[in-house]
Protein backbone atom coordinates (compact mmCIF):
# COMPACT_ATOMS: atom_id res chain seq x y z
CA MET A 1 86.79 122.84 119.26
CA LEU A 2 89.51 123.67 121.75
CA GLN A 3 89.40 127.15 123.24
CA LEU A 4 92.31 128.64 125.15
CA LEU A 5 92.77 131.93 126.87
CA PRO A 6 95.17 134.13 124.86
CA GLU A 7 97.76 134.17 127.66
CA ASN A 8 97.65 130.36 127.92
CA LEU A 9 98.03 130.07 124.17
CA THR A 10 101.11 132.31 124.33
CA VAL A 11 102.62 130.13 127.07
CA ALA A 12 101.81 126.96 125.11
CA ASN A 13 103.35 128.25 121.88
CA ILE A 14 106.57 129.36 123.57
CA TYR A 15 106.72 126.04 125.40
CA ILE A 16 106.36 124.22 122.07
CA GLU A 17 109.22 126.31 120.62
CA THR A 18 111.56 125.89 123.59
CA SER A 19 110.48 122.50 125.01
CA SER A 20 111.45 123.93 128.38
CA ILE A 21 109.30 125.25 131.20
CA GLU A 22 112.26 127.19 132.60
CA GLU A 23 113.01 128.87 129.26
CA THR A 24 109.33 129.66 128.73
CA ALA A 25 109.14 131.25 132.17
CA ARG A 26 112.33 133.24 131.50
CA GLN A 27 111.13 134.54 128.13
CA LEU A 28 107.76 135.58 129.53
CA GLY A 29 109.03 136.83 132.88
CA VAL A 30 106.55 134.59 134.68
CA PRO A 31 107.27 132.34 137.70
CA ILE A 32 108.16 128.74 136.80
CA ASP A 33 105.36 127.33 138.95
CA ARG A 34 102.78 129.41 137.05
CA VAL A 35 104.10 128.21 133.67
CA THR A 36 104.05 124.63 134.98
CA GLN A 37 100.46 125.06 136.12
CA ILE A 38 99.41 126.43 132.72
CA VAL A 39 101.27 123.79 130.71
CA GLN A 40 99.82 120.98 132.83
CA SER A 41 96.22 122.18 132.53
CA LYS A 42 94.07 119.91 130.38
CA PRO A 43 93.16 122.42 127.62
CA VAL A 44 96.81 123.46 127.17
CA ARG A 45 98.04 119.84 127.29
CA ASP A 46 95.45 118.90 124.67
CA TYR A 47 96.55 121.83 122.48
CA ILE A 48 100.25 120.92 122.78
CA ASN A 49 99.54 117.25 122.04
CA GLN A 50 97.47 118.21 119.01
CA VAL A 51 100.26 120.43 117.66
CA TYR A 52 102.79 117.61 118.09
CA LEU A 53 100.41 115.12 116.50
CA ASP A 54 99.69 117.44 113.56
CA SER A 55 103.35 118.15 112.91
CA GLY A 56 104.12 114.45 113.22
CA TYR A 57 101.28 113.67 110.84
CA ARG A 58 102.76 115.95 108.20
CA ASN A 59 106.17 114.34 108.58
CA ARG A 60 105.00 110.76 108.90
CA PHE A 61 104.66 110.35 105.13
CA LYS A 62 108.31 111.34 104.62
CA LEU A 63 109.38 108.97 107.39
CA ALA A 64 107.20 106.13 106.08
CA ASN A 65 108.58 106.58 102.55
CA LEU A 66 112.15 106.63 103.88
CA LEU A 67 111.58 103.47 105.93
CA ASP A 68 109.96 101.73 102.95
CA THR A 69 112.91 102.68 100.75
CA MET A 70 115.40 101.43 103.34
CA ILE A 71 113.54 98.12 103.73
CA GLU A 72 113.35 97.67 99.94
CA LYS A 73 117.08 98.34 99.61
CA LYS A 74 117.88 95.80 102.34
CA VAL A 75 115.73 93.17 100.61
CA GLN A 76 117.23 94.00 97.21
CA GLU A 77 120.75 93.91 98.66
CA GLY A 78 120.01 90.49 100.13
CA MET A 79 118.68 89.15 96.86
CA GLU A 80 121.67 90.44 94.90
CA THR A 81 124.32 89.18 97.29
CA ASP A 82 122.35 86.15 98.51
CA PHE A 83 123.31 87.29 102.02
CA TYR A 84 120.65 88.62 104.32
CA THR A 85 121.35 90.49 107.49
CA LYS A 86 118.10 89.68 109.20
CA LYS A 87 118.93 91.83 112.17
CA ASP A 88 119.13 95.06 110.15
CA LEU A 89 115.96 94.30 108.22
CA LEU A 90 114.12 93.19 111.36
CA GLU A 91 115.14 96.34 113.24
CA LEU A 92 113.85 98.54 110.40
CA MET A 93 110.57 96.66 110.28
CA GLU A 94 110.18 96.78 114.07
CA PHE A 95 110.81 100.53 114.03
CA ALA A 96 108.23 101.05 111.27
CA HIS A 97 105.72 98.96 113.21
CA LYS A 98 106.41 100.83 116.48
CA LEU A 99 105.88 104.18 114.76
CA ARG A 100 102.58 103.00 113.35
CA MET A 101 101.40 101.67 116.73
CA ASP A 102 102.38 104.93 118.45
CA GLU A 103 100.47 106.86 115.82
CA ILE A 104 97.38 104.71 116.32
CA LYS A 105 97.68 105.02 120.09
CA ALA A 106 97.95 108.80 119.87
CA GLY A 107 94.88 109.04 117.69
CA THR A 108 92.59 106.92 119.85
CA PRO A 109 90.62 108.33 122.75
CA SER A 110 91.90 107.48 126.19
CA SER A 111 88.53 106.35 127.50
CA GLN A 112 87.71 102.68 127.17
CA THR A 113 84.63 100.65 127.99
CA ASN A 114 85.18 97.13 129.27
CA VAL A 115 82.42 94.54 129.26
CA GLN A 116 82.62 91.51 131.51
CA ILE A 117 80.68 88.42 130.50
CA ASN A 118 80.22 85.78 133.16
CA ASN A 119 79.32 82.34 131.92
CA ASP A 120 78.33 81.04 135.34
CA PHE A 121 74.61 81.72 135.62
CA GLY A 122 74.14 79.88 138.87
CA GLN A 123 71.85 77.00 139.82
CA GLY A 124 68.17 76.63 139.17
CA ASN A 125 65.83 77.26 136.27
CA TYR A 126 67.34 80.66 135.33
CA GLY A 127 70.85 79.21 135.15
CA ALA A 128 69.68 76.25 133.06
CA LEU A 129 67.74 78.55 130.72
CA MET A 130 70.71 80.88 130.23
CA GLU A 131 73.03 77.91 129.58
CA ARG A 132 70.66 76.62 126.87
CA LEU A 133 70.35 80.08 125.31
CA MET A 134 74.12 80.56 125.20
CA LYS A 135 74.59 77.26 123.34
C-alpha cells in the first residue's frame, strides 16, 4: 500500500489537476523547485502513475469498443463497396495494438531478471559431460 504525507498528496493531486509544476506551485504558494522535488519523489511519482493508470483503465473499455466499432465499419464498408482502404484499416488496427502494448507495459513491473546460458562448457571431462547432458 502506498503511503504519502498529506502535504505531498495535496501537491500530487493539484499537479494531476493542472498537469503543470508552475501552476501547482502558484496555487500552493510554494517554490517551484520544492514542487518539482515532491513530484519527482518515488512515492509521489508512483501515486501519480497509479491515478493515470486507473483513470485510463476505466476509459479503456470505451476506447476499445470505439476502436472495435470503427474497425468493423471499415471492414463492412469494404465488403459492401468491394473497395478496401487498407491504410485506414491498418492505421486503426496499429493504434489499437499500440494502446494494448502500452497498457501491458504500464502494468508490468520495471524490474527484470535476465538469465544467460552459455553452451560452451570448455574442454575436458566436465565439458564432455555437460555436452552429453544438454543433448
